Each structure stands twice: as C-alpha cells, then as structure tokens.
C-alpha cells in the first residue's frame, strides 16, 4: 500500500483519506508527496 507524507507537518497520510479530499488531516496542507526509497549505487565493470 502506498503511503503519502505531508510536506508541512511530515506526518503519514493514508490513501483512504485522500479519496475524500487532497488535504492533510492533521494540518490541512494541500502539499503531499510519496517518500522514495534510497537508491543504491552499483559500480560498473
């Protein structure tokens, strides 16, 4: 399941809440993002 984070308060927001409206339920901010995994670097031969 995809989790979103609020840009203002940095809390996790579930996608179930976002179906109703695109706002953070904690602070009311409209800016949400999906955190990315850390990329690993691999040396070439």
PDB file of N, CA and C in Angstrom:
ATOM      1  N   UNK A   1       0.838  -1.178   0.000  1.00  0.00           N
ATOM      2  CA  UNK A   1       0.000   0.000   0.000  1.00  0.00           C
ATOM      3  C   UNK A   1       0.885   1.245   0.000  1.00  0.00           C
ATOM      4  N   UNK A   2       0.486   2.236  -0.734  1.00  0.00           N
ATOM      5  CA  UNK A   2       1.258   3.465  -0.872  1.00  0.00           C
ATOM      6  C   UNK A   2       0.947   4.400   0.300  1.00  0.00           C
ATOM      7  N   UNK A   3       1.978   4.974   0.872  1.00  0.00           N
ATOM      8  CA  UNK A   3       1.789   5.956   1.935  1.00  0.00           C
ATOM      9  C   UNK A   3       2.264   7.308   1.440  1.00  0.00           C
ATOM     10  N   UNK A   4       1.575   8.345   1.837  1.00  0.00           N
ATOM     11  CA  UNK A   4       1.952   9.704   1.491  1.00  0.00           C
ATOM     12  C   UNK A   4       2.384  10.420   2.748  1.00  0.00           C
ATOM     13  N   UNK A   5       3.207  11.465   2.578  1.00  0.00           N
ATOM     14  CA  UNK A   5       3.639  12.282   3.697  1.00  0.00           C
ATOM     15  C   UNK A   5       3.259  13.722   3.442  1.00  0.00           C
ATOM     16  N   UNK A   6       2.926  14.411   4.493  1.00  0.00           N
ATOM     17  CA  UNK A   6       2.600  15.829   4.403  1.00  0.00           C
ATOM     18  C   UNK A   6       3.899  16.624   4.354  1.00  0.00           C
ATOM     19  N   UNK A   7       3.944  17.606   3.471  1.00  0.00           N
ATOM     20  CA  UNK A   7       5.150  18.418   3.329  1.00  0.00           C
ATOM     21  C   UNK A   7       5.314  19.367   4.518  1.00  0.00           C
ATOM     22  N   UNK A   8       4.217  19.808   5.110  1.00  0.00           N
ATOM     23  CA  UNK A   8       4.280  20.773   6.211  1.00  0.00           C
ATOM     24  C   UNK A   8       4.592  20.120   7.555  1.00  0.00           C
ATOM     25  N   UNK A   9       3.794  19.125   7.947  1.00  0.00           N
ATOM     26  CA  UNK A   9       3.967  18.539   9.278  1.00  0.00           C
ATOM     27  C   UNK A   9       4.719  17.213   9.264  1.00  0.00           C
ATOM     28  N   UNK A  10       5.014  16.663   8.066  1.00  0.00           N
ATOM     29  CA  UNK A  10       5.813  15.449   7.889  1.00  0.00           C
ATOM     30  C   UNK A  10       5.168  14.199   8.499  1.00  0.00           C
ATOM     31  N   UNK A  11       3.832  14.188   8.617  1.00  0.00           N
ATOM     32  CA  UNK A  11       3.133  13.011   9.134  1.00  0.00           C
ATOM     33  C   UNK A  11       2.634  12.158   7.983  1.00  0.00           C
ATOM     34  N   UNK A  12       2.446  10.863   8.248  1.00  0.00           N
ATOM     35  CA  UNK A  12       1.975   9.931   7.227  1.00  0.00           C
ATOM     36  C   UNK A  12       0.467  10.085   7.042  1.00  0.00           C
ATOM     37  N   UNK A  13       0.040  10.047   5.781  1.00  0.00           N
ATOM     38  CA  UNK A  13      -1.379  10.151   5.435  1.00  0.00           C
ATOM     39  C   UNK A  13      -1.748   8.913   4.623  1.00  0.00           C
ATOM     40  N   UNK A  14      -2.803   8.224   5.019  1.00  0.00           N
ATOM     41  CA  UNK A  14      -3.203   7.008   4.309  1.00  0.00           C
ATOM     42  C   UNK A  14      -3.944   7.371   3.026  1.00  0.00           C
ATOM     43  N   UNK A  15      -3.834   6.518   2.005  1.00  0.00           N
ATOM     44  CA  UNK A  15      -4.525   6.801   0.740  1.00  0.00           C
ATOM     45  C   UNK A  15      -6.045   6.738   0.867  1.00  0.00           C
ATOM     46  N   UNK A  16      -6.562   6.061   1.897  1.00  0.00           N
ATOM     47  CA  UNK A  16      -8.011   6.012   2.106  1.00  0.00           C
ATOM     48  C   UNK A  16      -8.568   7.395   2.419  1.00  0.00           C
ATOM     49  N   UNK A  17      -7.816   8.185   3.163  1.00  0.00           N
ATOM     50  CA  UNK A  17      -8.261   9.543   3.477  1.00  0.00           C
ATOM     51  C   UNK A  17      -8.206  10.435   2.246  1.00  0.00           C
ATOM     52  N   UNK A  18      -7.253  10.193   1.353  1.00  0.00           N
ATOM     53  CA  UNK A  18      -7.079  11.042   0.183  1.00  0.00           C
ATOM     54  C   UNK A  18      -8.174  10.840  -0.863  1.00  0.00           C
ATOM     55  N   UNK A  19      -8.934   9.780  -0.767  1.00  0.00           N
ATOM     56  CA  UNK A  19     -10.042   9.578  -1.711  1.00  0.00           C
ATOM     57  C   UNK A  19     -11.130  10.622  -1.503  1.00  0.00           C
ATOM     58  N   UNK A  20     -11.283  11.083  -0.261  1.00  0.00           N
ATOM     59  CA  UNK A  20     -12.310  12.069   0.050  1.00  0.00           C
ATOM     60  C   UNK A  20     -11.876  13.470  -0.356  1.00  0.00           C
ATOM     61  N   UNK A  21     -10.672  13.865   0.047  1.00  0.00           N
ATOM     62  CA  UNK A  21     -10.131  15.176  -0.316  1.00  0.00           C
ATOM     63  C   UNK A  21      -8.616  15.154  -0.191  1.00  0.00           C
ATOM     64  N   UNK A  22      -7.963  15.993  -0.983  1.00  0.00           N
ATOM     65  CA  UNK A  22      -6.500  16.009  -1.002  1.00  0.00           C
ATOM     66  C   UNK A  22      -6.013  17.085  -0.040  1.00  0.00           C
ATOM     67  N   UNK A  23      -6.057  16.756   1.224  1.00  0.00           N
ATOM     68  CA  UNK A  23      -5.552  17.628   2.289  1.00  0.00           C
ATOM     69  C   UNK A  23      -5.033  16.758   3.426  1.00  0.00           C
ATOM     70  N   UNK A  24      -4.064  17.282   4.132  1.00  0.00           N
ATOM     71  CA  UNK A  24      -3.540  16.585   5.310  1.00  0.00           C
ATOM     72  C   UNK A  24      -4.592  16.657   6.423  1.00  0.00           C
ATOM     73  N   UNK A  25      -4.943  15.524   7.037  1.00  0.00           N
ATOM     74  CA  UNK A  25      -5.944  15.563   8.105  1.00  0.00           C
ATOM     75  C   UNK A  25      -5.426  16.195   9.390  1.00  0.00           C
ATOM     76  N   UNK A  26      -4.122  16.364   9.506  1.00  0.00           N
ATOM     77  CA  UNK A  26      -3.538  16.904  10.732  1.00  0.00           C
ATOM     78  C   UNK A  26      -3.374  18.426  10.694  1.00  0.00           C
ATOM     79  N   UNK A  27      -2.859  18.956   9.552  1.00  0.00           N
ATOM     80  CA  UNK A  27      -2.602  20.406   9.498  1.00  0.00           C
ATOM     81  C   UNK A  27      -3.372  21.122   8.385  1.00  0.00           C
ATOM     82  N   UNK A  28      -3.995  20.373   7.459  1.00  0.00           N
ATOM     83  CA  UNK A  28      -4.782  20.989   6.404  1.00  0.00           C
ATOM     84  C   UNK A  28      -3.995  21.391   5.165  1.00  0.00           C
ATOM     85  N   UNK A  29      -2.739  21.031   5.091  1.00  0.00           N
ATOM     86  CA  UNK A  29      -1.903  21.380   3.949  1.00  0.00           C
ATOM     87  C   UNK A  29      -2.343  20.602   2.706  1.00  0.00           C
ATOM     88  N   UNK A  30      -2.186  21.214   1.534  1.00  0.00           N
ATOM     89  CA  UNK A  30      -2.554  20.561   0.281  1.00  0.00           C
ATOM     90  C   UNK A  30      -1.355  19.926  -0.413  1.00  0.00           C
ATOM     91  N   UNK A  31      -0.163  20.057   0.155  1.00  0.00           N
ATOM     92  CA  UNK A  31       1.050  19.531  -0.470  1.00  0.00           C
ATOM     93  C   UNK A  31       1.417  18.199   0.178  1.00  0.00           C
ATOM     94  N   UNK A  32       1.246  17.110  -0.591  1.00  0.00           N
ATOM     95  CA  UNK A  32       1.579  15.766  -0.126  1.00  0.00           C
ATOM     96  C   UNK A  32       2.531  15.130  -1.127  1.00  0.00           C
ATOM     97  N   UNK A  33       3.377  14.220  -0.642  1.00  0.00           N
ATOM     98  CA  UNK A  33       4.324  13.549  -1.532  1.00  0.00           C
ATOM     99  C   UNK A  33       4.504  12.106  -1.108  1.00  0.00           C
ATOM    100  N   UNK A  34       4.993  11.288  -2.054  1.00  0.00           N
ATOM    101  CA  UNK A  34       5.313   9.893  -1.770  1.00  0.00           C
ATOM    102  C   UNK A  34       6.802   9.811  -1.461  1.00  0.00           C
ATOM    103  N   UNK A  35       7.170   9.328  -0.277  1.00  0.00           N
ATOM    104  CA  UNK A  35       8.595   9.173   0.016  1.00  0.00           C
ATOM    105  C   UNK A  35       9.219   8.107  -0.870  1.00  0.00           C
ATOM    106  N   UNK A  36      10.409   8.364  -1.367  1.00  0.00           N
ATOM    107  CA  UNK A  36      11.116   7.411  -2.234  1.00  0.00           C
ATOM    108  C   UNK A  36      12.104   6.596  -1.428  1.00  0.00           C
ATOM    109  N   UNK A  37      12.345   5.401  -1.922  1.00  0.00           N
ATOM    110  CA  UNK A  37      13.345   4.544  -1.295  1.00  0.00           C
ATOM    111  C   UNK A  37      14.737   5.068  -1.660  1.00  0.00           C
ATOM    112  N   UNK A  38      15.701   4.744  -0.848  1.00  0.00           N
ATOM    113  CA  UNK A  38      17.074   5.164  -1.099  1.00  0.00           C
ATOM    114  C   UNK A  38      17.640   4.325  -2.238  1.00  0.00           C
ATOM    115  N   UNK A  39      18.187   4.979  -3.228  1.00  0.00           N
ATOM    116  CA  UNK A  39      18.771   4.277  -4.368  1.00  0.00           C
ATOM    117  C   UNK A  39      20.173   3.797  -4.014  1.00  0.00           C
ATOM    118  N   UNK A  40      20.486   2.604  -4.449  1.00  0.00           N
ATOM    119  CA  UNK A  40      21.823   2.073  -4.226  1.00  0.00           C
ATOM    120  C   UNK A  40      22.641   2.211  -5.500  1.00  0.00           C
ATOM    121  N   UNK A  41      23.904   2.543  -5.344  1.00  0.00           N
ATOM    122  CA  UNK A  41      24.786   2.700  -6.488  1.00  0.00           C
ATOM    123  C   UNK A  41      25.577   1.411  -6.697  1.00  0.00           C
ATOM    124  N   UNK A  42      25.685   1.009  -7.950  1.00  0.00           N
ATOM    125  CA  UNK A  42      26.425  -0.203  -8.308  1.00  0.00           C
ATOM    126  C   UNK A  42      27.532   0.193  -9.272  1.00  0.00           C
ATOM    127  N   UNK A  43      28.755  -0.265  -8.966  1.00  0.00           N
ATOM    128  CA  UNK A  43      29.879   0.052  -9.844  1.00  0.00           C
ATOM    129  C   UNK A  43      29.807  -0.775 -11.116  1.00  0.00           C
ATOM    130  N   UNK A  44      30.150  -0.143 -12.217  1.00  0.00           N
ATOM    131  CA  UNK A  44      30.188  -0.878 -13.482  1.00  0.00           C
ATOM    132  C   UNK A  44      31.527  -1.619 -13.603  1.00  0.00           C
ATOM    133  N   UNK A  45      31.577  -2.549 -14.506  1.00  0.00           N
ATOM    134  CA  UNK A  45      32.809  -3.343 -14.656  1.00  0.00           C
ATOM    135  C   UNK A  45      33.870  -2.615 -15.379  1.00  0.00           C
TER     136      UNK A  45
END
